[in-house]
Each structure stands twice: as structure tokens, then as C-alpha cells.
């Protein structure tokens, strides 16, 4: 297995409903191409560091287990979903390195020998690298931290991208489960105006590197509160963006919609983002 010595882009990927693990849809098909595109363009990552809203803590925790089990952290879904396993190797040494980088920037972080991959992690990675042979380091999300504070975490971890580590923020570009529970729309329902406005705003502000507006999205973005009544599924965007830095233009590498208001868009950040976007278009 060839591993990369090239600086990798960082990624924000939407994981949507756990049902994506059984029904890949457009986003799942994109993820099936994403893993091989990364391998072909940069080499196989040495590890993947993933921050997911489904592992939430008051202080950031790095899950430094040597081996991870699959966590089925949801209820009420079809039985086959609970039979899926994605038991990937961990990255204990990387956990220590990531902690050093964060502490070096004055950021509090804890390392635990415990492990486990929540569905915000394994539903993505099972399509990208189905053999579960890439080591994974989960980083818990502190959902009370601001976008700027999340950015600082990504910024601190940025050197890892030069060591062949893929930094991923997992979430959903729009995420209003209240609407879903009240309306129960079909998966192919037409996109709602609020979702279209928010997605378009993110794409425009990202293309112009308007970080000031993006970091103040709650006030500046149309439909922000409607699309993110709570913003834990959006905050990983800023970890990934911080890891990529301010200078390079973010690339929207995927755009699709489910249920009318659950957007599955994905973004790449950093100087290598354009190379990945080109590889995915080939």
C-alpha cells in the first residue's frame, strides 16, 4: 500500500442519515469515487483524523485506541443497518502528535485509550476505503465552541496534512431534523427555498474566501437558523477549513440534496483542494 508524503487537502463531508450506509444515493456514489481519487492523486493517507458531531464532549478528546469498533449510535432503523461493521485500526501515536500540536497552540485536549467509530465516521469511510485498512483517529466535537474556536483547532492540526494525514470534518451542510420528523418527506423531495439559499450562500462565500462572513454565518447567512436550529453538524466545517488555511480557495467537490432540506455537499480546503477537484472531474 503506497502512502502519501504530499500535503493533503482537508475535507468537510456531509454524512446525512444513517440510511446512507444502505442507500448510498448521490453522496454515497461520490464517496466511492473520493477515496480512490485521493489515493491516485496523493497516495493512500497514512491515517484519517475525523471530527464528528456524534462524539461530543465538553473538552476535545482524541480517541487513541489501537483498534476501533463500529458504534451503531441510532435507533429505529432497519435491522440490516445494525449488522454493518467497519472496525478500523486506530492511531495511538498520531493521537499523541495531534495533542502536542493542539497544546502547542494553547488549546486544551485530552487523549483517551478508548475507541469507537460513530456513524458520522464509518458511514463515510466505508465507501471511501471499504476494506477498513486506513487507521482512524476520532476527535470529539465541543458543540458549544464558536466557529472561530473550531477554526483554531483545525489550524493547530494543519501540519498533519503534510505528514499524510487526511483531516475530515463530518456533518451535514444543512441539518434540520425537526422538519424531517414533522414532515417525513421522501428522499427525493424538491429542495426547499431555505436550503437552496443557504447552500448557495456557502458556495459563494467560500469561492470568494469571505472567511469573515463564513465565521459569522449565524448572523450573515440566509436561512441559517432554519437550516441549523443547532449547529453541531455545521461546526466541523470550520475545523476542516482551519486546517486548509485562509489563502487557498475552497472547492465544492460534491453537491446533492436529500429529503428536500438535508444537503449532502462536500468541500475541500487548502492548496491541494484544486488538484482533488480536478481528479474528481476526470
C-alpha atoms as a PDB file:
ATOM      1  CA  UNK A   1       0.000   0.000   0.000  1.00  0.00           C
ATOM      2  CA  UNK A   2       1.553   3.295  -1.085  1.00  0.00           C
ATOM      3  CA  UNK A   3       1.226   6.113   1.438  1.00  0.00           C
ATOM      4  CA  UNK A   4       1.439   9.787   0.707  1.00  0.00           C
ATOM      5  CA  UNK A   5       4.206  12.224   1.509  1.00  0.00           C
ATOM      6  CA  UNK A   6       2.272  15.030  -0.196  1.00  0.00           C
ATOM      7  CA  UNK A   7       0.249  17.623   1.694  1.00  0.00           C
ATOM      8  CA  UNK A   8      -3.361  16.551   1.584  1.00  0.00           C
ATOM      9  CA  UNK A   9      -6.407  18.790   1.341  1.00  0.00           C
ATOM     10  CA  UNK A  10      -8.722  18.803   4.337  1.00  0.00           C
ATOM     11  CA  UNK A  11     -12.372  17.905   3.808  1.00  0.00           C
ATOM     12  CA  UNK A  12     -15.837  18.730   5.073  1.00  0.00           C
ATOM     13  CA  UNK A  13     -18.161  15.851   4.192  1.00  0.00           C
ATOM     14  CA  UNK A  14     -21.886  15.527   4.815  1.00  0.00           C
ATOM     15  CA  UNK A  15     -22.930  12.163   6.228  1.00  0.00           C
ATOM     16  CA  UNK A  16     -26.697  12.747   6.310  1.00  0.00           C
ATOM     17  CA  UNK A  17     -28.960   9.990   7.559  1.00  0.00           C
ATOM     18  CA  UNK A  18     -27.502   6.668   8.790  1.00  0.00           C
ATOM     19  CA  UNK A  19     -29.510   5.123   5.944  1.00  0.00           C
ATOM     20  CA  UNK A  20     -26.795   6.306   3.564  1.00  0.00           C
ATOM     21  CA  UNK A  21     -24.913   3.183   4.687  1.00  0.00           C
ATOM     22  CA  UNK A  22     -27.602   1.078   2.980  1.00  0.00           C
ATOM     23  CA  UNK A  23     -28.807   3.535   0.344  1.00  0.00           C
ATOM     24  CA  UNK A  24     -25.747   5.411  -0.944  1.00  0.00           C
ATOM     25  CA  UNK A  25     -27.573   7.807  -3.269  1.00  0.00           C
ATOM     26  CA  UNK A  26     -25.586  10.546  -4.989  1.00  0.00           C
ATOM     27  CA  UNK A  27     -23.455  11.287  -1.924  1.00  0.00           C
ATOM     28  CA  UNK A  28     -22.511   7.637  -1.454  1.00  0.00           C
ATOM     29  CA  UNK A  29     -21.551   7.332  -5.104  1.00  0.00           C
ATOM     30  CA  UNK A  30     -19.387  10.438  -4.706  1.00  0.00           C
ATOM     31  CA  UNK A  31     -17.662   8.925  -1.669  1.00  0.00           C
ATOM     32  CA  UNK A  32     -16.953   5.738  -3.624  1.00  0.00           C
ATOM     33  CA  UNK A  33     -15.009   7.897  -6.095  1.00  0.00           C
ATOM     34  CA  UNK A  34     -13.448  10.130  -3.452  1.00  0.00           C
ATOM     35  CA  UNK A  35     -11.295   7.510  -1.740  1.00  0.00           C
ATOM     36  CA  UNK A  36      -9.735   6.222  -4.988  1.00  0.00           C
ATOM     37  CA  UNK A  37      -9.291   9.818  -6.222  1.00  0.00           C
ATOM     38  CA  UNK A  38      -7.316  10.673  -3.086  1.00  0.00           C
ATOM     39  CA  UNK A  39      -5.224   7.516  -3.447  1.00  0.00           C
ATOM     40  CA  UNK A  40      -4.472   8.175  -7.112  1.00  0.00           C
ATOM     41  CA  UNK A  41      -3.713  11.879  -6.686  1.00  0.00           C
ATOM     42  CA  UNK A  42      -1.860  11.987  -3.374  1.00  0.00           C
ATOM     43  CA  UNK A  43      -1.261   8.393  -2.337  1.00  0.00           C
ATOM     44  CA  UNK A  44      -3.108   6.461   0.350  1.00  0.00           C
ATOM     45  CA  UNK A  45      -3.408   8.551   3.539  1.00  0.00           C
ATOM     46  CA  UNK A  46      -1.371   7.316   6.477  1.00  0.00           C
ATOM     47  CA  UNK A  47      -4.385   7.966   8.688  1.00  0.00           C
ATOM     48  CA  UNK A  48      -7.665   9.875   8.797  1.00  0.00           C
ATOM     49  CA  UNK A  49      -8.427  12.293  11.637  1.00  0.00           C
ATOM     50  CA  UNK A  50     -12.187  12.832  11.801  1.00  0.00           C
ATOM     51  CA  UNK A  51     -14.230  15.208  13.943  1.00  0.00           C
ATOM     52  CA  UNK A  52     -17.876  14.145  14.137  1.00  0.00           C
ATOM     53  CA  UNK A  53     -20.854  15.765  15.898  1.00  0.00           C
ATOM     54  CA  UNK A  54     -21.925  12.350  17.164  1.00  0.00           C
ATOM     55  CA  UNK A  55     -18.969  12.164  19.537  1.00  0.00           C
ATOM     56  CA  UNK A  56     -19.497  15.334  21.580  1.00  0.00           C
ATOM     57  CA  UNK A  57     -17.665  16.321  24.764  1.00  0.00           C
ATOM     58  CA  UNK A  58     -17.045  19.423  26.893  1.00  0.00           C
ATOM     59  CA  UNK A  59     -13.310  19.281  26.143  1.00  0.00           C
ATOM     60  CA  UNK A  60     -11.821  17.911  22.908  1.00  0.00           C
ATOM     61  CA  UNK A  61     -10.879  14.240  23.213  1.00  0.00           C
ATOM     62  CA  UNK A  62      -8.686  12.254  20.850  1.00  0.00           C
ATOM     63  CA  UNK A  63      -9.757   8.598  20.811  1.00  0.00           C
ATOM     64  CA  UNK A  64      -6.355   6.936  20.731  1.00  0.00           C
ATOM     65  CA  UNK A  65      -7.386   3.269  20.721  1.00  0.00           C
ATOM     66  CA  UNK A  66      -5.275   0.802  18.764  1.00  0.00           C
ATOM     67  CA  UNK A  67      -8.456  -0.677  17.245  1.00  0.00           C
ATOM     68  CA  UNK A  68     -11.930   0.778  16.780  1.00  0.00           C
ATOM     69  CA  UNK A  69     -15.285  -0.982  16.924  1.00  0.00           C
ATOM     70  CA  UNK A  70     -18.346   0.124  14.980  1.00  0.00           C
ATOM     71  CA  UNK A  71     -20.828   2.148  17.044  1.00  0.00           C
ATOM     72  CA  UNK A  72     -24.480   1.967  15.964  1.00  0.00           C
ATOM     73  CA  UNK A  73     -25.476   5.171  17.719  1.00  0.00           C
ATOM     74  CA  UNK A  74     -29.063   5.417  16.464  1.00  0.00           C
ATOM     75  CA  UNK A  75     -32.397   3.694  16.855  1.00  0.00           C
ATOM     76  CA  UNK A  76     -35.474   2.787  14.863  1.00  0.00           C
ATOM     77  CA  UNK A  77     -33.752   1.878  11.605  1.00  0.00           C
ATOM     78  CA  UNK A  78     -33.939  -1.369   9.580  1.00  0.00           C
ATOM     79  CA  UNK A  79     -32.169  -4.363  11.093  1.00  0.00           C
ATOM     80  CA  UNK A  80     -29.560  -4.686   8.279  1.00  0.00           C
ATOM     81  CA  UNK A  81     -28.130  -1.305   9.279  1.00  0.00           C
ATOM     82  CA  UNK A  82     -27.095  -2.690  12.662  1.00  0.00           C
ATOM     83  CA  UNK A  83     -25.276  -5.582  11.018  1.00  0.00           C
ATOM     84  CA  UNK A  84     -22.812  -3.337   9.184  1.00  0.00           C
ATOM     85  CA  UNK A  85     -19.301  -3.418  10.609  1.00  0.00           C
ATOM     86  CA  UNK A  86     -16.468  -1.013   9.962  1.00  0.00           C
ATOM     87  CA  UNK A  87     -13.851  -1.946  12.541  1.00  0.00           C
ATOM     88  CA  UNK A  88     -10.808   0.073  11.547  1.00  0.00           C
ATOM     89  CA  UNK A  89      -7.351   0.290  13.095  1.00  0.00           C
ATOM     90  CA  UNK A  90      -6.650   3.237  15.367  1.00  0.00           C
ATOM     91  CA  UNK A  91      -3.706   5.624  15.525  1.00  0.00           C
ATOM     92  CA  UNK A  92      -2.356   5.906  19.096  1.00  0.00           C
ATOM     93  CA  UNK A  93       0.910   7.590  18.102  1.00  0.00           C
ATOM     94  CA  UNK A  94      -0.953  10.101  15.944  1.00  0.00           C
ATOM     95  CA  UNK A  95      -3.231  10.892  18.904  1.00  0.00           C
ATOM     96  CA  UNK A  96      -0.178  11.960  20.905  1.00  0.00           C
ATOM     97  CA  UNK A  97       1.167  14.024  17.996  1.00  0.00           C
ATOM     98  CA  UNK A  98      -2.197  15.752  17.453  1.00  0.00           C
ATOM     99  CA  UNK A  99      -2.422  16.532  21.168  1.00  0.00           C
ATOM    100  CA  UNK A 100       1.059  18.079  21.096  1.00  0.00           C
ATOM    101  CA  UNK A 101       0.069  20.312  18.189  1.00  0.00           C
ATOM    102  CA  UNK A 102      -3.112  21.489  19.877  1.00  0.00           C
ATOM    103  CA  UNK A 103      -1.452  22.109  23.232  1.00  0.00           C
ATOM    104  CA  UNK A 104       1.324  23.962  21.437  1.00  0.00           C
ATOM    105  CA  UNK A 105      -1.300  26.468  20.315  1.00  0.00           C
ATOM    106  CA  UNK A 106      -2.745  26.806  23.797  1.00  0.00           C
ATOM    107  CA  UNK A 107      -5.709  24.510  23.159  1.00  0.00           C
ATOM    108  CA  UNK A 108      -6.868  22.081  25.816  1.00  0.00           C
ATOM    109  CA  UNK A 109      -7.224  18.467  24.686  1.00  0.00           C
ATOM    110  CA  UNK A 110      -7.307  15.037  26.296  1.00  0.00           C
ATOM    111  CA  UNK A 111      -6.143  11.706  24.888  1.00  0.00           C
ATOM    112  CA  UNK A 112      -8.012   8.554  25.841  1.00  0.00           C
ATOM    113  CA  UNK A 113      -7.136   4.934  25.036  1.00  0.00           C
ATOM    114  CA  UNK A 114     -10.823   4.313  24.389  1.00  0.00           C
ATOM    115  CA  UNK A 115     -12.096   3.979  20.836  1.00  0.00           C
ATOM    116  CA  UNK A 116     -15.116   3.505  18.617  1.00  0.00           C
ATOM    117  CA  UNK A 117     -16.381   4.974  15.355  1.00  0.00           C
ATOM    118  CA  UNK A 118     -19.746   6.720  15.435  1.00  0.00           C
ATOM    119  CA  UNK A 119     -21.938   6.736  12.330  1.00  0.00           C
ATOM    120  CA  UNK A 120     -20.733  10.184  11.317  1.00  0.00           C
ATOM    121  CA  UNK A 121     -17.384   8.497  10.693  1.00  0.00           C
ATOM    122  CA  UNK A 122     -17.996   4.977   9.435  1.00  0.00           C
ATOM    123  CA  UNK A 123     -20.847   5.807   7.049  1.00  0.00           C
ATOM    124  CA  UNK A 124     -18.360   7.964   5.144  1.00  0.00           C
ATOM    125  CA  UNK A 125     -15.257   5.809   5.370  1.00  0.00           C
ATOM    126  CA  UNK A 126     -16.961   2.537   4.432  1.00  0.00           C
ATOM    127  CA  UNK A 127     -17.487   3.961   0.944  1.00  0.00           C
ATOM    128  CA  UNK A 128     -14.099   5.676   0.682  1.00  0.00           C
ATOM    129  CA  UNK A 129     -11.982   2.724   1.864  1.00  0.00           C
ATOM    130  CA  UNK A 130     -14.269  -0.316   2.147  1.00  0.00           C
ATOM    131  CA  UNK A 131     -11.537  -2.611   3.478  1.00  0.00           C
ATOM    132  CA  UNK A 132     -11.260  -0.547   6.690  1.00  0.00           C
ATOM    133  CA  UNK A 133      -7.479  -0.610   6.340  1.00  0.00           C
ATOM    134  CA  UNK A 134      -6.717   3.091   6.866  1.00  0.00           C
ATOM    135  CA  UNK A 135      -6.070   3.996  10.533  1.00  0.00           C
ATOM    136  CA  UNK A 136      -8.636   6.367  12.030  1.00  0.00           C
ATOM    137  CA  UNK A 137      -8.277   8.947  14.804  1.00  0.00           C
ATOM    138  CA  UNK A 138     -11.601  10.382  16.025  1.00  0.00           C
ATOM    139  CA  UNK A 139     -11.567  13.850  17.566  1.00  0.00           C
ATOM    140  CA  UNK A 140     -14.630  14.745  19.600  1.00  0.00           C
ATOM    141  CA  UNK A 141     -16.558  17.921  18.854  1.00  0.00           C
ATOM    142  CA  UNK A 142     -17.226  20.530  21.511  1.00  0.00           C
ATOM    143  CA  UNK A 143     -20.578  21.833  20.221  1.00  0.00           C
ATOM    144  CA  UNK A 144     -20.527  24.906  22.473  1.00  0.00           C
ATOM    145  CA  UNK A 145     -17.381  26.277  20.816  1.00  0.00           C
ATOM    146  CA  UNK A 146     -17.759  29.056  18.249  1.00  0.00           C
ATOM    147  CA  UNK A 147     -16.811  28.738  14.573  1.00  0.00           C
ATOM    148  CA  UNK A 148     -13.649  30.743  15.306  1.00  0.00           C
ATOM    149  CA  UNK A 149     -12.691  28.346  18.100  1.00  0.00           C
ATOM    150  CA  UNK A 150     -13.302  25.363  15.800  1.00  0.00           C
ATOM    151  CA  UNK A 151     -11.133  27.042  13.167  1.00  0.00           C
ATOM    152  CA  UNK A 152      -8.281  27.333  15.678  1.00  0.00           C
ATOM    153  CA  UNK A 153      -8.416  23.569  16.259  1.00  0.00           C
ATOM    154  CA  UNK A 154      -8.102  22.892  12.532  1.00  0.00           C
ATOM    155  CA  UNK A 155      -5.337  25.466  12.233  1.00  0.00           C
ATOM    156  CA  UNK A 156      -3.383  23.744  15.014  1.00  0.00           C
ATOM    157  CA  UNK A 157      -3.762  20.360  13.326  1.00  0.00           C
ATOM    158  CA  UNK A 158      -2.813  21.644   9.853  1.00  0.00           C
ATOM    159  CA  UNK A 159       0.789  20.315   9.961  1.00  0.00           C
ATOM    160  CA  UNK A 160      -0.595  16.774   9.985  1.00  0.00           C
ATOM    161  CA  UNK A 161      -1.756  17.213   6.385  1.00  0.00           C
ATOM    162  CA  UNK A 162       1.883  17.477   5.370  1.00  0.00           C
ATOM    163  CA  UNK A 163       2.552  14.171   7.107  1.00  0.00           C
ATOM    164  CA  UNK A 164      -0.018  12.316   5.017  1.00  0.00           C
ATOM    165  CA  UNK A 165      -2.929  12.610   7.448  1.00  0.00           C
ATOM    166  CA  UNK A 166      -6.350  13.367   5.977  1.00  0.00           C
ATOM    167  CA  UNK A 167      -8.292  15.788   8.205  1.00  0.00           C
ATOM    168  CA  UNK A 168     -12.068  15.424   7.850  1.00  0.00           C
ATOM    169  CA  UNK A 169     -14.935  17.352   9.378  1.00  0.00           C
ATOM    170  CA  UNK A 170     -18.078  15.205   9.220  1.00  0.00           C
ATOM    171  CA  UNK A 171     -21.515  16.792   9.429  1.00  0.00           C
ATOM    172  CA  UNK A 172     -24.327  17.953   7.160  1.00  0.00           C
ATOM    173  CA  UNK A 173     -24.309  21.150   5.164  1.00  0.00           C
ATOM    174  CA  UNK A 174     -27.921  21.649   6.214  1.00  0.00           C
ATOM    175  CA  UNK A 175     -29.451  19.766   9.120  1.00  0.00           C
ATOM    176  CA  UNK A 176     -32.983  20.361  10.396  1.00  0.00           C
ATOM    177  CA  UNK A 177     -34.264  17.109  11.891  1.00  0.00           C
ATOM    178  CA  UNK A 178     -37.316  18.902  13.307  1.00  0.00           C
ATOM    179  CA  UNK A 179     -38.559  19.463   9.787  1.00  0.00           C
ATOM    180  CA  UNK A 180     -37.816  15.876   8.875  1.00  0.00           C
ATOM    181  CA  UNK A 181     -39.664  14.462  11.870  1.00  0.00           C
ATOM    182  CA  UNK A 182     -42.687  16.727  11.345  1.00  0.00           C
ATOM    183  CA  UNK A 183     -42.962  16.284   7.567  1.00  0.00           C
ATOM    184  CA  UNK A 184     -41.357  12.901   6.762  1.00  0.00           C
ATOM    185  CA  UNK A 185     -40.666  13.900   3.141  1.00  0.00           C
ATOM    186  CA  UNK A 186     -39.453  11.359   0.571  1.00  0.00           C
ATOM    187  CA  UNK A 187     -35.719  11.192  -0.014  1.00  0.00           C
ATOM    188  CA  UNK A 188     -36.142  12.782  -3.466  1.00  0.00           C
ATOM    189  CA  UNK A 189     -38.360  15.670  -2.302  1.00  0.00           C
ATOM    190  CA  UNK A 190     -37.713  19.007  -4.076  1.00  0.00           C
ATOM    191  CA  UNK A 191     -35.197  21.291  -2.429  1.00  0.00           C
ATOM    192  CA  UNK A 192     -36.747  23.882  -0.126  1.00  0.00           C
ATOM    193  CA  UNK A 193     -36.027  27.597  -0.658  1.00  0.00           C
ATOM    194  CA  UNK A 194     -34.244  27.908   2.700  1.00  0.00           C
ATOM    195  CA  UNK A 195     -31.918  25.043   1.848  1.00  0.00           C
ATOM    196  CA  UNK A 196     -31.175  26.429  -1.615  1.00  0.00           C
ATOM    197  CA  UNK A 197     -30.403  29.876  -0.216  1.00  0.00           C
ATOM    198  CA  UNK A 198     -28.090  28.565   2.485  1.00  0.00           C
ATOM    199  CA  UNK A 199     -26.231  26.206   0.146  1.00  0.00           C
ATOM    200  CA  UNK A 200     -25.816  28.946  -2.428  1.00  0.00           C
ATOM    201  CA  UNK A 201     -24.546  31.396   0.170  1.00  0.00           C
ATOM    202  CA  UNK A 202     -21.945  28.937   1.461  1.00  0.00           C
ATOM    203  CA  UNK A 203     -20.767  28.216  -2.081  1.00  0.00           C
ATOM    204  CA  UNK A 204     -20.486  31.922  -2.943  1.00  0.00           C
ATOM    205  CA  UNK A 205     -18.781  32.956   0.298  1.00  0.00           C
ATOM    206  CA  UNK A 206     -16.377  30.025   0.044  1.00  0.00           C
ATOM    207  CA  UNK A 207     -15.472  30.792  -3.571  1.00  0.00           C
ATOM    208  CA  UNK A 208     -14.606  34.364  -2.572  1.00  0.00           C
ATOM    209  CA  UNK A 209     -12.776  33.266   0.603  1.00  0.00           C
ATOM    210  CA  UNK A 210     -15.048  35.500   2.656  1.00  0.00           C
ATOM    211  CA  UNK A 211     -13.979  33.990   5.950  1.00  0.00           C
ATOM    212  CA  UNK A 212     -15.361  36.909   7.944  1.00  0.00           C
ATOM    213  CA  UNK A 213     -18.880  36.166   6.712  1.00  0.00           C
ATOM    214  CA  UNK A 214     -18.491  32.395   6.983  1.00  0.00           C
ATOM    215  CA  UNK A 215     -17.275  32.617  10.573  1.00  0.00           C
ATOM    216  CA  UNK A 216     -20.268  34.844  11.350  1.00  0.00           C
ATOM    217  CA  UNK A 217     -22.675  32.586   9.428  1.00  0.00           C
ATOM    218  CA  UNK A 218     -25.366  32.618  12.106  1.00  0.00           C
ATOM    219  CA  UNK A 219     -25.934  36.311  11.506  1.00  0.00           C
ATOM    220  CA  UNK A 220     -24.834  36.632   7.879  1.00  0.00           C
ATOM    221  CA  UNK A 221     -26.211  33.567   6.088  1.00  0.00           C
ATOM    222  CA  UNK A 222     -29.790  33.432   4.779  1.00  0.00           C
ATOM    223  CA  UNK A 223     -31.771  30.596   6.319  1.00  0.00           C
ATOM    224  CA  UNK A 224     -29.003  29.818   8.833  1.00  0.00           C
ATOM    225  CA  UNK A 225     -31.290  29.251  11.817  1.00  0.00           C
ATOM    226  CA  UNK A 226     -33.844  27.323   9.754  1.00  0.00           C
ATOM    227  CA  UNK A 227     -31.183  25.038   8.299  1.00  0.00           C
ATOM    228  CA  UNK A 228     -29.215  24.665  11.539  1.00  0.00           C
ATOM    229  CA  UNK A 229     -31.505  25.064  14.564  1.00  0.00           C
ATOM    230  CA  UNK A 230     -28.491  23.683  16.416  1.00  0.00           C
ATOM    231  CA  UNK A 231     -25.190  23.952  14.643  1.00  0.00           C
ATOM    232  CA  UNK A 232     -23.254  20.847  15.728  1.00  0.00           C
ATOM    233  CA  UNK A 233     -23.486  19.357  12.209  1.00  0.00           C
ATOM    234  CA  UNK A 234     -22.111  22.559  10.666  1.00  0.00           C
ATOM    235  CA  UNK A 235     -19.264  23.306  13.076  1.00  0.00           C
ATOM    236  CA  UNK A 236     -16.914  20.583  11.700  1.00  0.00           C
ATOM    237  CA  UNK A 237     -16.788  22.699   8.520  1.00  0.00           C
ATOM    238  CA  UNK A 238     -14.600  25.174  10.403  1.00  0.00           C
ATOM    239  CA  UNK A 239     -12.187  22.536  11.689  1.00  0.00           C
ATOM    240  CA  UNK A 240     -11.599  21.397   8.110  1.00  0.00           C
ATOM    241  CA  UNK A 241     -11.421  24.974   6.812  1.00  0.00           C
ATOM    242  CA  UNK A 242      -8.961  25.983   9.528  1.00  0.00           C
ATOM    243  CA  UNK A 243      -6.726  23.056   8.605  1.00  0.00           C
ATOM    244  CA  UNK A 244      -6.736  24.244   4.981  1.00  0.00           C
ATOM    245  CA  UNK A 245      -5.926  27.856   5.816  1.00  0.00           C
ATOM    246  CA  UNK A 246      -7.178  31.199   4.534  1.00  0.00           C
ATOM    247  CA  UNK A 247      -5.186  31.565   1.332  1.00  0.00           C
ATOM    248  CA  UNK A 248      -6.415  28.755  -0.926  1.00  0.00           C
ATOM    249  CA  UNK A 249      -9.878  28.895  -2.491  1.00  0.00           C
ATOM    250  CA  UNK A 250     -12.165  26.169  -1.076  1.00  0.00           C
ATOM    251  CA  UNK A 251     -13.574  23.761  -3.635  1.00  0.00           C
ATOM    252  CA  UNK A 252     -17.106  22.390  -3.504  1.00  0.00           C
ATOM    253  CA  UNK A 253     -16.365  18.823  -4.561  1.00  0.00           C
ATOM    254  CA  UNK A 254     -19.903  17.489  -4.244  1.00  0.00           C
ATOM    255  CA  UNK A 255     -23.432  18.887  -4.175  1.00  0.00           C
ATOM    256  CA  UNK A 256     -26.628  16.917  -3.708  1.00  0.00           C
ATOM    257  CA  UNK A 257     -29.827  17.084  -1.688  1.00  0.00           C
ATOM    258  CA  UNK A 258     -31.898  14.553   0.245  1.00  0.00           C
ATOM    259  CA  UNK A 259     -35.376  14.918   1.757  1.00  0.00           C
ATOM    260  CA  UNK A 260     -35.626  18.464   0.412  1.00  0.00           C
ATOM    261  CA  UNK A 261     -33.624  20.067   3.208  1.00  0.00           C
ATOM    262  CA  UNK A 262     -30.771  17.721   4.155  1.00  0.00           C
ATOM    263  CA  UNK A 263     -27.859  18.846   1.970  1.00  0.00           C
ATOM    264  CA  UNK A 264     -25.023  16.421   1.272  1.00  0.00           C
ATOM    265  CA  UNK A 265     -22.476  18.917  -0.101  1.00  0.00           C
ATOM    266  CA  UNK A 266     -18.757  18.373   0.405  1.00  0.00           C
ATOM    267  CA  UNK A 267     -15.834  20.829   0.421  1.00  0.00           C
ATOM    268  CA  UNK A 268     -12.062  20.561   0.101  1.00  0.00           C
ATOM    269  CA  UNK A 269      -9.665  23.104   1.611  1.00  0.00           C
ATOM    270  CA  UNK A 270      -6.015  24.002   1.325  1.00  0.00           C
ATOM    271  CA  UNK A 271      -3.514  24.409  -1.530  1.00  0.00           C
ATOM    272  CA  UNK A 272      -4.209  20.875  -2.801  1.00  0.00           C
ATOM    273  CA  UNK A 273      -8.003  21.291  -2.939  1.00  0.00           C
ATOM    274  CA  UNK A 274      -7.949  22.226  -6.618  1.00  0.00           C
ATOM    275  CA  UNK A 275      -5.996  19.090  -7.536  1.00  0.00           C
ATOM    276  CA  UNK A 276      -8.568  16.918  -5.807  1.00  0.00           C
ATOM    277  CA  UNK A 277     -11.439  18.742  -7.516  1.00  0.00           C
ATOM    278  CA  UNK A 278      -9.808  18.182 -10.895  1.00  0.00           C
ATOM    279  CA  UNK A 279      -9.213  14.498 -10.155  1.00  0.00           C
ATOM    280  CA  UNK A 280     -12.872  14.026  -9.258  1.00  0.00           C
ATOM    281  CA  UNK A 281     -13.968  15.633 -12.514  1.00  0.00           C
ATOM    282  CA  UNK A 282     -11.737  13.404 -14.654  1.00  0.00           C
END
